[in-house]
Amino acid sequence: MLRLMRTVLGVWAVAAAAVLVAGCSGGGEDVDPGPSRSSSPSGSAGSGLAAEWEPKLRKAADGGTRACADVASDGCAQYLGGITETAYDLRDAIVEAGAEDAYPRTMAEIEKVTTAADSYVEDGCEEAAEPGCSGHAALVRSGGSGLRLMLAADEAGGQG
């Protein structure tokens, strides 16, 4: 539990630092391209995040069946932490691109993954397989493929 909690807290600390650094930098040249890349909230998002993130999400999701045979194991906690960290990184990339409206399904899936990871930690699932732990682990594990699907759907366009 502590390892996953440290991973999640570390990801939050890095994300907060990145936001602070990005907000404090005076690089006006970096600001201009952002809005134009995500200018189409319906239809194709135009920022091409799927091409960059699909391989990262696939890599994070590899090996889950073996790693989480025991949801209370260190291996499972590390595996789930990797998926969760990748989900946070994807969310940050979407936010940095100003493309939240272009990726509604992806943002909703990220919320599911991170909420399930938080529940896994809060319920002490790394230390003991309590009731509900398998469900939390399954939701995070499905996030690897779910995020790839939602990212592709959002870039393909349309709502619903």
C-alpha atoms as a PDB file:
ATOM      1  CA  MET A   1       0.000   0.000   0.000  1.00  0.00           C
ATOM      2  CA  LEU A   2       2.742   2.403   0.876  1.00  0.00           C
ATOM      3  CA  ARG A   3       4.539   1.840  -2.423  1.00  0.00           C
ATOM      4  CA  LEU A   4       1.441   2.619  -4.517  1.00  0.00           C
ATOM      5  CA  MET A   5       0.595   5.563  -2.277  1.00  0.00           C
ATOM      6  CA  ARG A   6       4.133   6.930  -2.674  1.00  0.00           C
ATOM      7  CA  THR A   7       3.893   6.453  -6.438  1.00  0.00           C
ATOM      8  CA  VAL A   8       0.558   8.277  -6.614  1.00  0.00           C
ATOM      9  CA  LEU A   9       1.786  11.066  -4.327  1.00  0.00           C
ATOM     10  CA  GLY A  10       5.015  11.324  -6.311  1.00  0.00           C
ATOM     11  CA  VAL A  11       3.067  11.641  -9.553  1.00  0.00           C
ATOM     12  CA  TRP A  12       0.952  14.393  -8.015  1.00  0.00           C
ATOM     13  CA  ALA A  13       4.068  16.225  -6.785  1.00  0.00           C
ATOM     14  CA  VAL A  14       5.715  16.040 -10.205  1.00  0.00           C
ATOM     15  CA  ALA A  15       2.511  17.160 -11.914  1.00  0.00           C
ATOM     16  CA  ALA A  16       2.133  20.079  -9.520  1.00  0.00           C
ATOM     17  CA  ALA A  17       5.741  21.110 -10.076  1.00  0.00           C
ATOM     18  CA  ALA A  18       5.281  20.901 -13.841  1.00  0.00           C
ATOM     19  CA  VAL A  19       2.175  23.075 -13.672  1.00  0.00           C
ATOM     20  CA  LEU A  20       3.991  25.625 -11.538  1.00  0.00           C
ATOM     21  CA  VAL A  21       6.997  25.686 -13.837  1.00  0.00           C
ATOM     22  CA  ALA A  22       4.806  25.939 -16.931  1.00  0.00           C
ATOM     23  CA  GLY A  23       2.750  28.714 -15.366  1.00  0.00           C
ATOM     24  CA  CYS A  24       5.821  30.669 -14.279  1.00  0.00           C
ATOM     25  CA  SER A  25       7.813  30.406 -17.482  1.00  0.00           C
ATOM     26  CA  GLY A  26       7.716  33.449 -19.691  1.00  0.00           C
ATOM     27  CA  GLY A  27       7.909  31.463 -22.941  1.00  0.00           C
ATOM     28  CA  GLY A  28       5.202  33.148 -24.990  1.00  0.00           C
ATOM     29  CA  GLU A  29       6.321  31.101 -28.001  1.00  0.00           C
ATOM     30  CA  ASP A  30       5.163  27.919 -26.295  1.00  0.00           C
ATOM     31  CA  VAL A  31       1.733  29.360 -25.535  1.00  0.00           C
ATOM     32  CA  ASP A  32       0.637  30.210 -29.080  1.00  0.00           C
ATOM     33  CA  PRO A  33       0.707  26.688 -30.619  1.00  0.00           C
ATOM     34  CA  GLY A  34      -1.416  25.166 -27.823  1.00  0.00           C
ATOM     35  CA  PRO A  35      -4.832  26.591 -28.663  1.00  0.00           C
ATOM     36  CA  SER A  36      -4.494  26.018 -32.406  1.00  0.00           C
ATOM     37  CA  ARG A  37      -3.732  22.315 -31.879  1.00  0.00           C
ATOM     38  CA  SER A  38      -6.948  21.714 -29.974  1.00  0.00           C
ATOM     39  CA  SER A  39      -9.205  24.137 -31.785  1.00  0.00           C
ATOM     40  CA  SER A  40     -11.712  21.480 -32.873  1.00  0.00           C
ATOM     41  CA  PRO A  41     -13.597  20.256 -29.782  1.00  0.00           C
ATOM     42  CA  SER A  42     -15.991  18.185 -31.889  1.00  0.00           C
ATOM     43  CA  GLY A  43     -14.695  15.986 -34.634  1.00  0.00           C
ATOM     44  CA  SER A  44     -11.019  15.221 -34.890  1.00  0.00           C
ATOM     45  CA  ALA A  45      -9.051  16.661 -31.999  1.00  0.00           C
ATOM     46  CA  GLY A  46      -6.157  17.503 -34.265  1.00  0.00           C
ATOM     47  CA  SER A  47      -3.465  17.226 -31.609  1.00  0.00           C
ATOM     48  CA  GLY A  48      -2.627  13.609 -32.461  1.00  0.00           C
ATOM     49  CA  LEU A  49      -2.224  12.405 -28.889  1.00  0.00           C
ATOM     50  CA  ALA A  50      -3.190   8.848 -29.807  1.00  0.00           C
ATOM     51  CA  ALA A  51      -0.090   8.353 -31.934  1.00  0.00           C
ATOM     52  CA  GLU A  52       2.130   9.298 -28.997  1.00  0.00           C
ATOM     53  CA  TRP A  53       0.152   7.752 -26.144  1.00  0.00           C
ATOM     54  CA  GLU A  54      -1.108   4.444 -27.567  1.00  0.00           C
ATOM     55  CA  PRO A  55       2.343   2.809 -27.261  1.00  0.00           C
ATOM     56  CA  LYS A  56       2.827   4.207 -23.752  1.00  0.00           C
ATOM     57  CA  LEU A  57      -0.568   2.903 -22.648  1.00  0.00           C
ATOM     58  CA  ARG A  58       0.091  -0.475 -24.267  1.00  0.00           C
ATOM     59  CA  LYS A  59       3.455  -0.747 -22.482  1.00  0.00           C
ATOM     60  CA  ALA A  60       1.910   0.171 -19.116  1.00  0.00           C
ATOM     61  CA  ALA A  61      -0.798  -2.486 -19.559  1.00  0.00           C
ATOM     62  CA  ASP A  62       1.524  -5.352 -20.559  1.00  0.00           C
ATOM     63  CA  GLY A  63       1.780  -8.247 -18.108  1.00  0.00           C
ATOM     64  CA  GLY A  64      -1.224  -7.502 -15.932  1.00  0.00           C
ATOM     65  CA  THR A  65      -2.600 -11.029 -15.761  1.00  0.00           C
ATOM     66  CA  ARG A  66       0.631 -12.364 -14.277  1.00  0.00           C
ATOM     67  CA  ALA A  67       1.342  -9.328 -12.102  1.00  0.00           C
ATOM     68  CA  CYS A  68      -2.090  -9.279 -10.489  1.00  0.00           C
ATOM     69  CA  ALA A  69      -2.709 -12.964  -9.937  1.00  0.00           C
ATOM     70  CA  ASP A  70      -2.582 -11.858  -6.284  1.00  0.00           C
ATOM     71  CA  VAL A  71      -4.016  -8.338  -5.974  1.00  0.00           C
ATOM     72  CA  ALA A  72      -2.279  -7.926  -2.604  1.00  0.00           C
ATOM     73  CA  SER A  73       1.202  -8.508  -4.037  1.00  0.00           C
ATOM     74  CA  ASP A  74       3.926  -5.913  -4.506  1.00  0.00           C
ATOM     75  CA  GLY A  75       4.040  -6.857  -8.191  1.00  0.00           C
ATOM     76  CA  CYS A  76       0.371  -6.014  -8.637  1.00  0.00           C
ATOM     77  CA  ALA A  77       0.709  -2.743  -6.750  1.00  0.00           C
ATOM     78  CA  GLN A  78       3.664  -1.747  -8.946  1.00  0.00           C
ATOM     79  CA  TYR A  79       1.805  -2.744 -12.107  1.00  0.00           C
ATOM     80  CA  LEU A  80      -1.308  -0.777 -11.113  1.00  0.00           C
ATOM     81  CA  GLY A  81       0.896   2.150 -10.122  1.00  0.00           C
ATOM     82  CA  GLY A  82       2.424   2.149 -13.615  1.00  0.00           C
ATOM     83  CA  ILE A  83      -0.976   2.303 -15.291  1.00  0.00           C
ATOM     84  CA  THR A  84      -2.111   5.015 -12.895  1.00  0.00           C
ATOM     85  CA  GLU A  85       1.023   7.086 -13.475  1.00  0.00           C
ATOM     86  CA  THR A  86       0.562   6.784 -17.244  1.00  0.00           C
ATOM     87  CA  ALA A  87      -3.087   7.859 -16.881  1.00  0.00           C
ATOM     88  CA  TYR A  88      -2.027  10.950 -14.902  1.00  0.00           C
ATOM     89  CA  ASP A  89       0.640  11.739 -17.500  1.00  0.00           C
ATOM     90  CA  LEU A  90      -1.921  11.441 -20.311  1.00  0.00           C
ATOM     91  CA  ARG A  91      -4.309  13.703 -18.431  1.00  0.00           C
ATOM     92  CA  ASP A  92      -1.518  16.260 -18.006  1.00  0.00           C
ATOM     93  CA  ALA A  93      -0.721  16.100 -21.740  1.00  0.00           C
ATOM     94  CA  ILE A  94      -4.381  16.710 -22.600  1.00  0.00           C
ATOM     95  CA  VAL A  95      -4.595  19.623 -20.160  1.00  0.00           C
ATOM     96  CA  GLU A  96      -1.303  21.125 -21.390  1.00  0.00           C
ATOM     97  CA  ALA A  97      -2.654  20.970 -24.954  1.00  0.00           C
ATOM     98  CA  GLY A  98      -5.837  22.716 -23.788  1.00  0.00           C
ATOM     99  CA  ALA A  99      -7.756  19.796 -25.289  1.00  0.00           C
ATOM    100  CA  GLU A 100     -10.015  18.659 -22.449  1.00  0.00           C
ATOM    101  CA  ASP A 101     -13.139  19.354 -24.539  1.00  0.00           C
ATOM    102  CA  ALA A 102     -11.713  17.361 -27.448  1.00  0.00           C
ATOM    103  CA  TYR A 103     -11.100  14.283 -25.260  1.00  0.00           C
ATOM    104  CA  PRO A 104     -14.222  13.846 -23.067  1.00  0.00           C
ATOM    105  CA  ARG A 105     -14.241  10.030 -23.169  1.00  0.00           C
ATOM    106  CA  THR A 106     -10.535   9.847 -22.395  1.00  0.00           C
ATOM    107  CA  MET A 107     -10.850  12.257 -19.475  1.00  0.00           C
ATOM    108  CA  ALA A 108     -13.781  10.208 -18.084  1.00  0.00           C
ATOM    109  CA  GLU A 109     -11.760   6.986 -18.398  1.00  0.00           C
ATOM    110  CA  ILE A 110      -8.787   8.625 -16.668  1.00  0.00           C
ATOM    111  CA  GLU A 111     -11.119   9.563 -13.809  1.00  0.00           C
ATOM    112  CA  LYS A 112     -12.302   5.927 -13.532  1.00  0.00           C
ATOM    113  CA  VAL A 113      -8.716   4.630 -13.433  1.00  0.00           C
ATOM    114  CA  THR A 114      -7.474   7.144 -10.881  1.00  0.00           C
ATOM    115  CA  THR A 115     -10.543   6.721  -8.666  1.00  0.00           C
ATOM    116  CA  ALA A 116     -10.082   2.938  -8.681  1.00  0.00           C
ATOM    117  CA  ALA A 117      -6.368   3.348  -7.873  1.00  0.00           C
ATOM    118  CA  ASP A 118      -7.217   5.658  -4.978  1.00  0.00           C
ATOM    119  CA  SER A 119      -9.728   3.076  -3.688  1.00  0.00           C
ATOM    120  CA  TYR A 120      -7.097   0.320  -3.997  1.00  0.00           C
ATOM    121  CA  VAL A 121      -4.775   2.344  -1.762  1.00  0.00           C
ATOM    122  CA  GLU A 122      -7.454   3.494   0.678  1.00  0.00           C
ATOM    123  CA  ASP A 123      -8.756  -0.054   1.165  1.00  0.00           C
ATOM    124  CA  GLY A 124      -5.250  -1.376   1.943  1.00  0.00           C
ATOM    125  CA  CYS A 125      -5.304  -3.744  -1.012  1.00  0.00           C
ATOM    126  CA  GLU A 126      -1.511  -4.012  -1.284  1.00  0.00           C
ATOM    127  CA  GLU A 127      -1.344  -5.507   2.197  1.00  0.00           C
ATOM    128  CA  ALA A 128      -4.337  -7.843   2.067  1.00  0.00           C
ATOM    129  CA  ALA A 129      -6.919  -8.846  -0.501  1.00  0.00           C
ATOM    130  CA  GLU A 130      -9.912  -7.229   1.182  1.00  0.00           C
ATOM    131  CA  PRO A 131     -13.388  -7.392  -0.342  1.00  0.00           C
ATOM    132  CA  GLY A 132     -13.486  -5.020  -3.285  1.00  0.00           C
ATOM    133  CA  CYS A 133      -9.748  -5.157  -3.975  1.00  0.00           C
ATOM    134  CA  SER A 134     -10.152  -7.395  -7.014  1.00  0.00           C
ATOM    135  CA  GLY A 135     -12.687  -4.942  -8.413  1.00  0.00           C
ATOM    136  CA  HIS A 136     -10.387  -1.954  -7.857  1.00  0.00           C
ATOM    137  CA  ALA A 137      -7.501  -3.799  -9.489  1.00  0.00           C
ATOM    138  CA  ALA A 138      -9.673  -4.872 -12.426  1.00  0.00           C
ATOM    139  CA  LEU A 139     -10.806  -1.288 -13.070  1.00  0.00           C
ATOM    140  CA  VAL A 140      -7.235  -0.007 -13.084  1.00  0.00           C
ATOM    141  CA  ARG A 141      -6.064  -2.926 -15.248  1.00  0.00           C
ATOM    142  CA  SER A 142      -8.833  -2.316 -17.785  1.00  0.00           C
ATOM    143  CA  GLY A 143      -7.722   1.305 -17.929  1.00  0.00           C
ATOM    144  CA  GLY A 144      -4.720   0.411 -20.082  1.00  0.00           C
ATOM    145  CA  SER A 145      -6.894  -0.794 -22.940  1.00  0.00           C
ATOM    146  CA  GLY A 146      -9.842   1.445 -22.071  1.00  0.00           C
ATOM    147  CA  LEU A 147      -7.739   4.571 -22.335  1.00  0.00           C
ATOM    148  CA  ARG A 148      -6.417   3.498 -25.743  1.00  0.00           C
ATOM    149  CA  LEU A 149      -9.958   2.915 -26.986  1.00  0.00           C
ATOM    150  CA  MET A 150     -11.309   6.188 -25.605  1.00  0.00           C
ATOM    151  CA  LEU A 151      -8.373   8.146 -27.001  1.00  0.00           C
ATOM    152  CA  ALA A 152      -8.989   6.682 -30.463  1.00  0.00           C
ATOM    153  CA  ALA A 153     -12.745   7.316 -30.178  1.00  0.00           C
ATOM    154  CA  ASP A 154     -12.197  10.932 -29.146  1.00  0.00           C
ATOM    155  CA  GLU A 155      -9.802  11.533 -32.034  1.00  0.00           C
ATOM    156  CA  ALA A 156     -12.225   9.875 -34.467  1.00  0.00           C
ATOM    157  CA  GLY A 157     -14.738  12.528 -33.432  1.00  0.00           C
ATOM    158  CA  GLY A 158     -18.363  12.714 -32.531  1.00  0.00           C
ATOM    159  CA  GLN A 159     -20.038  12.674 -29.150  1.00  0.00           C
ATOM    160  CA  GLY A 160     -21.720   9.832 -27.341  1.00  0.00           C
END
